[in-house]
Amino acid sequence: MSRIQWQQDRVAGVPLNRHVGFVGPIEVGNVAYDGSNKFWIWSTPLQEDAWGYGPTEQAAKAALEFWLVSWLENFRPFFQAGDTPPA
């Protein structure tokens, strides 16, 4: 089960082949179908150059979640730091 809540994007009430992912109120990424290349592209507003693709919608969503978990791991020392700032 994904930790990301997915919502299908819409324009004027028409559903698109694009899904936006949220963790709480924070948008963490989106997955959209590229019809010319016939694959699903994921990207994130959290890092400008982070993107990837998958052969299916579910594969692209899983790849985004894998990237997000790996990226957030870099911040673990910051959140686990004690009251004393590093020297």
PDB file of N, CA and C in Angstrom:
ATOM      1  N   MET A   1       0.841  -1.179   0.000  1.00  0.00           N
ATOM      2  CA  MET A   1       0.000   0.000   0.000  1.00  0.00           C
ATOM      3  C   MET A   1       0.889   1.245   0.000  1.00  0.00           C
ATOM      4  N   SER A   2       0.567   2.172  -0.846  1.00  0.00           N
ATOM      5  CA  SER A   2       1.352   3.391  -1.004  1.00  0.00           C
ATOM      6  C   SER A   2       1.097   4.371   0.141  1.00  0.00           C
ATOM      7  N   ARG A   3       2.118   5.086   0.507  1.00  0.00           N
ATOM      8  CA  ARG A   3       1.976   6.153   1.504  1.00  0.00           C
ATOM      9  C   ARG A   3       1.552   7.458   0.848  1.00  0.00           C
ATOM     10  N   ILE A   4       1.493   7.439  -0.478  1.00  0.00           N
ATOM     11  CA  ILE A   4       1.103   8.625  -1.246  1.00  0.00           C
ATOM     12  C   ILE A   4      -0.369   8.509  -1.612  1.00  0.00           C
ATOM     13  N   GLN A   5      -1.116   9.582  -1.391  1.00  0.00           N
ATOM     14  CA  GLN A   5      -2.528   9.644  -1.790  1.00  0.00           C
ATOM     15  C   GLN A   5      -2.588  10.213  -3.209  1.00  0.00           C
ATOM     16  N   TRP A   6      -3.157   9.472  -4.130  1.00  0.00           N
ATOM     17  CA  TRP A   6      -3.206   9.886  -5.527  1.00  0.00           C
ATOM     18  C   TRP A   6      -4.572  10.439  -5.882  1.00  0.00           C
ATOM     19  N   GLN A   7      -4.576  11.532  -6.652  1.00  0.00           N
ATOM     20  CA  GLN A   7      -5.811  12.134  -7.162  1.00  0.00           C
ATOM     21  C   GLN A   7      -5.673  12.304  -8.665  1.00  0.00           C
ATOM     22  N   GLN A   8      -6.689  11.875  -9.411  1.00  0.00           N
ATOM     23  CA  GLN A   8      -6.650  12.052 -10.858  1.00  0.00           C
ATOM     24  C   GLN A   8      -6.879  13.517 -11.172  1.00  0.00           C
ATOM     25  N   ASP A   9      -6.018  14.064 -12.010  1.00  0.00           N
ATOM     26  CA  ASP A   9      -6.126  15.465 -12.404  1.00  0.00           C
ATOM     27  C   ASP A   9      -7.285  15.626 -13.382  1.00  0.00           C
ATOM     28  N   ARG A  10      -7.902  16.794 -13.369  1.00  0.00           N
ATOM     29  CA  ARG A  10      -9.043  17.086 -14.243  1.00  0.00           C
ATOM     30  C   ARG A  10      -8.928  18.501 -14.786  1.00  0.00           C
ATOM     31  N   VAL A  11      -9.461  18.695 -15.980  1.00  0.00           N
ATOM     32  CA  VAL A  11      -9.573  20.024 -16.570  1.00  0.00           C
ATOM     33  C   VAL A  11     -11.024  20.179 -17.010  1.00  0.00           C
ATOM     34  N   ALA A  12     -11.676  21.198 -16.494  1.00  0.00           N
ATOM     35  CA  ALA A  12     -13.089  21.461 -16.795  1.00  0.00           C
ATOM     36  C   ALA A  12     -13.944  20.221 -16.550  1.00  0.00           C
ATOM     37  N   GLY A  13     -13.608  19.475 -15.507  1.00  0.00           N
ATOM     38  CA  GLY A  13     -14.375  18.295 -15.143  1.00  0.00           C
ATOM     39  C   GLY A  13     -14.034  17.042 -15.937  1.00  0.00           C
ATOM     40  N   VAL A  14     -13.105  17.159 -16.895  1.00  0.00           N
ATOM     41  CA  VAL A  14     -12.723  16.006 -17.722  1.00  0.00           C
ATOM     42  C   VAL A  14     -11.485  15.353 -17.113  1.00  0.00           C
ATOM     43  N   PRO A  15     -11.549  14.057 -16.789  1.00  0.00           N
ATOM     44  CA  PRO A  15     -10.391  13.388 -16.196  1.00  0.00           C
ATOM     45  C   PRO A  15      -9.244  13.260 -17.211  1.00  0.00           C
ATOM     46  N   LEU A  16      -8.025  13.479 -16.737  1.00  0.00           N
ATOM     47  CA  LEU A  16      -6.839  13.381 -17.571  1.00  0.00           C
ATOM     48  C   LEU A  16      -6.055  12.116 -17.233  1.00  0.00           C
ATOM     49  N   ASN A  17      -5.136  11.743 -18.098  1.00  0.00           N
ATOM     50  CA  ASN A  17      -4.214  10.646 -17.812  1.00  0.00           C
ATOM     51  C   ASN A  17      -3.032  11.204 -17.029  1.00  0.00           C
ATOM     52  N   ARG A  18      -3.344  11.879 -15.938  1.00  0.00           N
ATOM     53  CA  ARG A  18      -2.353  12.475 -15.051  1.00  0.00           C
ATOM     54  C   ARG A  18      -2.874  12.355 -13.631  1.00  0.00           C
ATOM     55  N   HIS A  19      -1.995  11.939 -12.735  1.00  0.00           N
ATOM     56  CA  HIS A  19      -2.358  11.776 -11.333  1.00  0.00           C
ATOM     57  C   HIS A  19      -1.370  12.557 -10.489  1.00  0.00           C
ATOM     58  N   VAL A  20      -1.885  13.264  -9.487  1.00  0.00           N
ATOM     59  CA  VAL A  20      -1.064  14.072  -8.598  1.00  0.00           C
ATOM     60  C   VAL A  20      -1.021  13.371  -7.246  1.00  0.00           C
ATOM     61  N   GLY A  21       0.180  13.243  -6.692  1.00  0.00           N
ATOM     62  CA  GLY A  21       0.366  12.548  -5.427  1.00  0.00           C
ATOM     63  C   GLY A  21       0.632  13.500  -4.280  1.00  0.00           C
ATOM     64  N   PHE A  22      -0.006  13.223  -3.145  1.00  0.00           N
ATOM     65  CA  PHE A  22       0.126  14.056  -1.952  1.00  0.00           C
ATOM     66  C   PHE A  22       0.487  13.191  -0.753  1.00  0.00           C
ATOM     67  N   VAL A  23       1.279  13.759   0.138  1.00  0.00           N
ATOM     68  CA  VAL A  23       1.488  13.203   1.470  1.00  0.00           C
ATOM     69  C   VAL A  23       0.980  14.294   2.404  1.00  0.00           C
ATOM     70  N   GLY A  24      -0.185  14.045   2.989  1.00  0.00           N
ATOM     71  CA  GLY A  24      -0.856  15.110   3.729  1.00  0.00           C
ATOM     72  C   GLY A  24      -1.216  16.218   2.740  1.00  0.00           C
ATOM     73  N   PRO A  25      -0.954  17.484   3.100  1.00  0.00           N
ATOM     74  CA  PRO A  25      -1.286  18.580   2.191  1.00  0.00           C
ATOM     75  C   PRO A  25      -0.176  18.889   1.179  1.00  0.00           C
ATOM     76  N   ILE A  26       0.946  18.165   1.231  1.00  0.00           N
ATOM     77  CA  ILE A  26       2.107  18.457   0.395  1.00  0.00           C
ATOM     78  C   ILE A  26       2.075  17.647  -0.900  1.00  0.00           C
ATOM     79  N   GLU A  27       2.153  18.345  -2.039  1.00  0.00           N
ATOM     80  CA  GLU A  27       2.264  17.654  -3.321  1.00  0.00           C
ATOM     81  C   GLU A  27       3.684  17.130  -3.458  1.00  0.00           C
ATOM     82  N   VAL A  28       3.823  15.820  -3.634  1.00  0.00           N
ATOM     83  CA  VAL A  28       5.150  15.212  -3.715  1.00  0.00           C
ATOM     84  C   VAL A  28       5.503  14.736  -5.116  1.00  0.00           C
ATOM     85  N   GLY A  29       4.536  14.679  -6.016  1.00  0.00           N
ATOM     86  CA  GLY A  29       4.851  14.253  -7.369  1.00  0.00           C
ATOM     87  C   GLY A  29       3.628  14.079  -8.225  1.00  0.00           C
ATOM     88  N   ASN A  30       3.897  13.748  -9.487  1.00  0.00           N
ATOM     89  CA  ASN A  30       2.807  13.457 -10.401  1.00  0.00           C
ATOM     90  C   ASN A  30       3.263  12.404 -11.401  1.00  0.00           C
ATOM     91  N   VAL A  31       2.288  11.731 -11.972  1.00  0.00           N
ATOM     92  CA  VAL A  31       2.508  10.688 -12.959  1.00  0.00           C
ATOM     93  C   VAL A  31       1.574  10.995 -14.119  1.00  0.00           C
ATOM     94  N   ALA A  32       2.146  11.059 -15.333  1.00  0.00           N
ATOM     95  CA  ALA A  32       1.341  11.391 -16.503  1.00  0.00           C
ATOM     96  C   ALA A  32       1.691  10.458 -17.661  1.00  0.00           C
ATOM     97  N   TYR A  33       0.703  10.167 -18.483  1.00  0.00           N
ATOM     98  CA  TYR A  33       0.909   9.287 -19.628  1.00  0.00           C
ATOM     99  C   TYR A  33       1.460  10.075 -20.801  1.00  0.00           C
ATOM    100  N   ASP A  34       2.522   9.565 -21.397  1.00  0.00           N
ATOM    101  CA  ASP A  34       3.111  10.147 -22.600  1.00  0.00           C
ATOM    102  C   ASP A  34       2.664   9.283 -23.776  1.00  0.00           C
ATOM    103  N   GLY A  35       1.645   9.727 -24.459  1.00  0.00           N
ATOM    104  CA  GLY A  35       1.054   8.936 -25.534  1.00  0.00           C
ATOM    105  C   GLY A  35       1.974   8.720 -26.719  1.00  0.00           C
ATOM    106  N   SER A  36       2.862   9.670 -27.015  1.00  0.00           N
ATOM    107  CA  SER A  36       3.744   9.500 -28.172  1.00  0.00           C
ATOM    108  C   SER A  36       4.800   8.427 -27.921  1.00  0.00           C
ATOM    109  N   ASN A  37       5.254   8.300 -26.691  1.00  0.00           N
ATOM    110  CA  ASN A  37       6.258   7.283 -26.354  1.00  0.00           C
ATOM    111  C   ASN A  37       5.657   6.059 -25.672  1.00  0.00           C
ATOM    112  N   LYS A  38       4.385   6.157 -25.311  1.00  0.00           N
ATOM    113  CA  LYS A  38       3.627   5.061 -24.705  1.00  0.00           C
ATOM    114  C   LYS A  38       4.220   4.566 -23.391  1.00  0.00           C
ATOM    115  N   PHE A  39       4.569   5.509 -22.504  1.00  0.00           N
ATOM    116  CA  PHE A  39       4.954   5.153 -21.152  1.00  0.00           C
ATOM    117  C   PHE A  39       4.512   6.258 -20.203  1.00  0.00           C
ATOM    118  N   TRP A  40       4.596   5.959 -18.921  1.00  0.00           N
ATOM    119  CA  TRP A  40       4.164   6.889 -17.878  1.00  0.00           C
ATOM    120  C   TRP A  40       5.391   7.579 -17.291  1.00  0.00           C
ATOM    121  N   ILE A  41       5.352   8.897 -17.220  1.00  0.00           N
ATOM    122  CA  ILE A  41       6.459   9.692 -16.695  1.00  0.00           C
ATOM    123  C   ILE A  41       6.096  10.180 -15.300  1.00  0.00           C
ATOM    124  N   TRP A  42       7.045  10.045 -14.361  1.00  0.00           N
ATOM    125  CA  TRP A  42       6.848  10.619 -13.031  1.00  0.00           C
ATOM    126  C   TRP A  42       7.807  11.782 -12.850  1.00  0.00           C
ATOM    127  N   SER A  43       7.385  12.759 -12.076  1.00  0.00           N
ATOM    128  CA  SER A  43       8.242  13.884 -11.716  1.00  0.00           C
ATOM    129  C   SER A  43       7.796  14.401 -10.361  1.00  0.00           C
ATOM    130  N   THR A  44       8.609  15.272  -9.783  1.00  0.00           N
ATOM    131  CA  THR A  44       8.316  15.798  -8.461  1.00  0.00           C
ATOM    132  C   THR A  44       8.652  17.274  -8.397  1.00  0.00           C
ATOM    133  N   PRO A  45       7.853  18.063  -7.686  1.00  0.00           N
ATOM    134  CA  PRO A  45       8.199  19.467  -7.491  1.00  0.00           C
ATOM    135  C   PRO A  45       9.251  19.652  -6.394  1.00  0.00           C
ATOM    136  N   LEU A  46       9.631  18.569  -5.716  1.00  0.00           N
ATOM    137  CA  LEU A  46      10.581  18.670  -4.610  1.00  0.00           C
ATOM    138  C   LEU A  46      12.020  18.819  -5.086  1.00  0.00           C
ATOM    139  N   GLN A  47      12.301  18.356  -6.293  1.00  0.00           N
ATOM    140  CA  GLN A  47      13.634  18.494  -6.871  1.00  0.00           C
ATOM    141  C   GLN A  47      13.474  18.659  -8.373  1.00  0.00           C
ATOM    142  N   GLU A  48      14.023  19.719  -8.891  1.00  0.00           N
ATOM    143  CA  GLU A  48      13.796  20.115 -10.275  1.00  0.00           C
ATOM    144  C   GLU A  48      14.161  19.045 -11.304  1.00  0.00           C
ATOM    145  N   ASP A  49      15.260  18.363 -11.119  1.00  0.00           N
ATOM    146  CA  ASP A  49      15.730  17.427 -12.135  1.00  0.00           C
ATOM    147  C   ASP A  49      15.423  15.964 -11.825  1.00  0.00           C
ATOM    148  N   ALA A  50      14.517  15.705 -10.917  1.00  0.00           N
ATOM    149  CA  ALA A  50      14.146  14.328 -10.586  1.00  0.00           C
ATOM    150  C   ALA A  50      12.919  13.923 -11.393  1.00  0.00           C
ATOM    151  N   TRP A  51      13.092  12.892 -12.193  1.00  0.00           N
ATOM    152  CA  TRP A  51      11.993  12.354 -12.987  1.00  0.00           C
ATOM    153  C   TRP A  51      12.385  10.943 -13.435  1.00  0.00           C
ATOM    154  N   GLY A  52      11.424  10.230 -13.941  1.00  0.00           N
ATOM    155  CA  GLY A  52      11.672   8.893 -14.451  1.00  0.00           C
ATOM    156  C   GLY A  52      10.442   8.410 -15.197  1.00  0.00           C
ATOM    157  N   TYR A  53      10.434   7.156 -15.537  1.00  0.00           N
ATOM    158  CA  TYR A  53       9.295   6.628 -16.277  1.00  0.00           C
ATOM    159  C   TYR A  53       9.096   5.157 -15.965  1.00  0.00           C
ATOM    160  N   GLY A  54       7.928   4.672 -16.341  1.00  0.00           N
ATOM    161  CA  GLY A  54       7.585   3.270 -16.166  1.00  0.00           C
ATOM    162  C   GLY A  54       6.668   2.822 -17.283  1.00  0.00           C
ATOM    163  N   PRO A  55       6.590   1.526 -17.529  1.00  0.00           N
ATOM    164  CA  PRO A  55       5.742   1.022 -18.604  1.00  0.00           C
ATOM    165  C   PRO A  55       4.246   1.089 -18.285  1.00  0.00           C
ATOM    166  N   THR A  56       3.933   1.197 -16.991  1.00  0.00           N
ATOM    167  CA  THR A  56       2.533   1.290 -16.580  1.00  0.00           C
ATOM    168  C   THR A  56       2.387   2.418 -15.563  1.00  0.00           C
ATOM    169  N   GLU A  57       1.162   2.799 -15.323  1.00  0.00           N
ATOM    170  CA  GLU A  57       0.871   3.824 -14.312  1.00  0.00           C
ATOM    171  C   GLU A  57       1.380   3.372 -12.938  1.00  0.00           C
ATOM    172  N   GLN A  58       1.095   2.139 -12.575  1.00  0.00           N
ATOM    173  CA  GLN A  58       1.507   1.622 -11.255  1.00  0.00           C
ATOM    174  C   GLN A  58       3.026   1.572 -11.130  1.00  0.00           C
ATOM    175  N   ALA A  59       3.718   1.197 -12.191  1.00  0.00           N
ATOM    176  CA  ALA A  59       5.183   1.140 -12.156  1.00  0.00           C
ATOM    177  C   ALA A  59       5.770   2.534 -11.957  1.00  0.00           C
ATOM    178  N   ALA A  60       5.215   3.533 -12.621  1.00  0.00           N
ATOM    179  CA  ALA A  60       5.704   4.904 -12.469  1.00  0.00           C
ATOM    180  C   ALA A  60       5.432   5.425 -11.059  1.00  0.00           C
ATOM    181  N   LYS A  61       4.266   5.105 -10.503  1.00  0.00           N
ATOM    182  CA  LYS A  61       3.950   5.519  -9.131  1.00  0.00           C
ATOM    183  C   LYS A  61       4.899   4.858  -8.138  1.00  0.00           C
ATOM    184  N   ALA A  62       5.191   3.576  -8.346  1.00  0.00           N
ATOM    185  CA  ALA A  62       6.118   2.867  -7.458  1.00  0.00           C
ATOM    186  C   ALA A  62       7.526   3.454  -7.566  1.00  0.00           C
ATOM    187  N   ALA A  63       7.948   3.806  -8.778  1.00  0.00           N
ATOM    188  CA  ALA A  63       9.273   4.400  -8.970  1.00  0.00           C
ATOM    189  C   ALA A  63       9.362   5.752  -8.270  1.00  0.00           C
ATOM    190  N   LEU A  64       8.309   6.549  -8.349  1.00  0.00           N
ATOM    191  CA  LEU A  64       8.300   7.841  -7.657  1.00  0.00           C
ATOM    192  C   LEU A  64       8.392   7.631  -6.150  1.00  0.00           C
ATOM    193  N   GLU A  65       7.640   6.690  -5.624  1.00  0.00           N
ATOM    194  CA  GLU A  65       7.678   6.441  -4.186  1.00  0.00           C
ATOM    195  C   GLU A  65       9.051   5.938  -3.752  1.00  0.00           C
ATOM    196  N   PHE A  66       9.669   5.066  -4.537  1.00  0.00           N
ATOM    197  CA  PHE A  66      11.009   4.586  -4.232  1.00  0.00           C
ATOM    198  C   PHE A  66      12.002   5.749  -4.214  1.00  0.00           C
ATOM    199  N   TRP A  67      11.917   6.625  -5.220  1.00  0.00           N
ATOM    200  CA  TRP A  67      12.801   7.792  -5.260  1.00  0.00           C
ATOM    201  C   TRP A  67      12.572   8.677  -4.035  1.00  0.00           C
ATOM    202  N   LEU A  68      11.322   8.926  -3.684  1.00  0.00           N
ATOM    203  CA  LEU A  68      10.992   9.805  -2.562  1.00  0.00           C
ATOM    204  C   LEU A  68      11.555   9.258  -1.249  1.00  0.00           C
ATOM    205  N   VAL A  69      11.391   7.978  -1.006  1.00  0.00           N
ATOM    206  CA  VAL A  69      11.927   7.370   0.217  1.00  0.00           C
ATOM    207  C   VAL A  69      13.445   7.518   0.247  1.00  0.00           C
ATOM    208  N   SER A  70      14.107   7.259  -0.864  1.00  0.00           N
ATOM    209  CA  SER A  70      15.565   7.381  -0.934  1.00  0.00           C
ATOM    210  C   SER A  70      16.014   8.820  -0.722  1.00  0.00           C
ATOM    211  N   TRP A  71      15.313   9.758  -1.329  1.00  0.00           N
ATOM    212  CA  TRP A  71      15.660  11.180  -1.217  1.00  0.00           C
ATOM    213  C   TRP A  71      15.471  11.671   0.214  1.00  0.00           C
ATOM    214  N   LEU A  72      14.367  11.281   0.842  1.00  0.00           N
ATOM    215  CA  LEU A  72      14.103  11.718   2.210  1.00  0.00           C
ATOM    216  C   LEU A  72      15.103  11.128   3.202  1.00  0.00           C
ATOM    217  N   GLU A  73      15.668   9.976   2.888  1.00  0.00           N
ATOM    218  CA  GLU A  73      16.671   9.360   3.761  1.00  0.00           C
ATOM    219  C   GLU A  73      17.863  10.294   3.976  1.00  0.00           C
ATOM    220  N   ASN A  74      18.164  11.138   3.012  1.00  0.00           N
ATOM    221  CA  ASN A  74      19.257  12.101   3.142  1.00  0.00           C
ATOM    222  C   ASN A  74      19.024  13.097   4.276  1.00  0.00           C
ATOM    223  N   PHE A  75      17.781  13.292   4.663  1.00  0.00           N
ATOM    224  CA  PHE A  75      17.441  14.270   5.690  1.00  0.00           C
ATOM    225  C   PHE A  75      17.329  13.662   7.091  1.00  0.00           C
ATOM    226  N   ARG A  76      17.507  12.352   7.215  1.00  0.00           N
ATOM    227  CA  ARG A  76      17.375  11.674   8.501  1.00  0.00           C
ATOM    228  C   ARG A  76      18.267  12.299   9.579  1.00  0.00           C
ATOM    229  N   PRO A  77      19.551  12.589   9.306  1.00  0.00           N
ATOM    230  CA  PRO A  77      20.396  13.188  10.351  1.00  0.00           C
ATOM    231  C   PRO A  77      19.858  14.524  10.851  1.00  0.00           C
ATOM    232  N   PHE A  78      19.269  15.292   9.979  1.00  0.00           N
ATOM    233  CA  PHE A  78      18.707  16.579  10.382  1.00  0.00           C
ATOM    234  C   PHE A  78      17.561  16.392  11.373  1.00  0.00           C
ATOM    235  N   PHE A  79      16.658  15.455  11.073  1.00  0.00           N
ATOM    236  CA  PHE A  79      15.495  15.252  11.930  1.00  0.00           C
ATOM    237  C   PHE A  79      15.820  14.489  13.207  1.00  0.00           C
ATOM    238  N   GLN A  80      16.913  13.741  13.200  1.00  0.00           N
ATOM    239  CA  GLN A  80      17.306  13.004  14.397  1.00  0.00           C
ATOM    240  C   GLN A  80      18.313  13.761  15.246  1.00  0.00           C
ATOM    241  N   ALA A  81      18.739  14.907  14.793  1.00  0.00           N
ATOM    242  CA  ALA A  81      19.734  15.675  15.541  1.00  0.00           C
ATOM    243  C   ALA A  81      19.183  16.087  16.899  1.00  0.00           C
ATOM    244  N   GLY A  82      20.088  16.137  17.893  1.00  0.00           N
ATOM    245  CA  GLY A  82      19.682  16.563  19.223  1.00  0.00           C
ATOM    246  C   GLY A  82      19.530  18.075  19.276  1.00  0.00           C
ATOM    247  N   ASP A  83      19.509  18.604  20.497  1.00  0.00           N
ATOM    248  CA  ASP A  83      19.347  20.042  20.686  1.00  0.00           C
ATOM    249  C   ASP A  83      20.612  20.830  20.339  1.00  0.00           C
ATOM    250  N   THR A  84      21.755  20.169  20.312  1.00  0.00           N
ATOM    251  CA  THR A  84      23.004  20.853  20.077  1.00  0.00           C
ATOM    252  C   THR A  84      23.318  20.868  18.583  1.00  0.00           C
ATOM    253  N   PRO A  85      23.468  22.070  17.995  1.00  0.00           N
ATOM    254  CA  PRO A  85      23.818  22.113  16.565  1.00  0.00           C
ATOM    255  C   PRO A  85      25.241  21.625  16.358  1.00  0.00           C
ATOM    256  N   PRO A  86      25.519  21.046  15.185  1.00  0.00           N
ATOM    257  CA  PRO A  86      26.876  20.545  14.931  1.00  0.00           C
ATOM    258  C   PRO A  86      27.874  21.684  14.917  1.00  0.00           C
ATOM    259  N   ALA A  87      29.102  21.408  15.371  1.00  0.00           N
ATOM    260  CA  ALA A  87      30.140  22.436  15.443  1.00  0.00           C
ATOM    261  C   ALA A  87      30.805  22.651  14.117  1.00  0.00           C
TER     262      ALA A  87
END
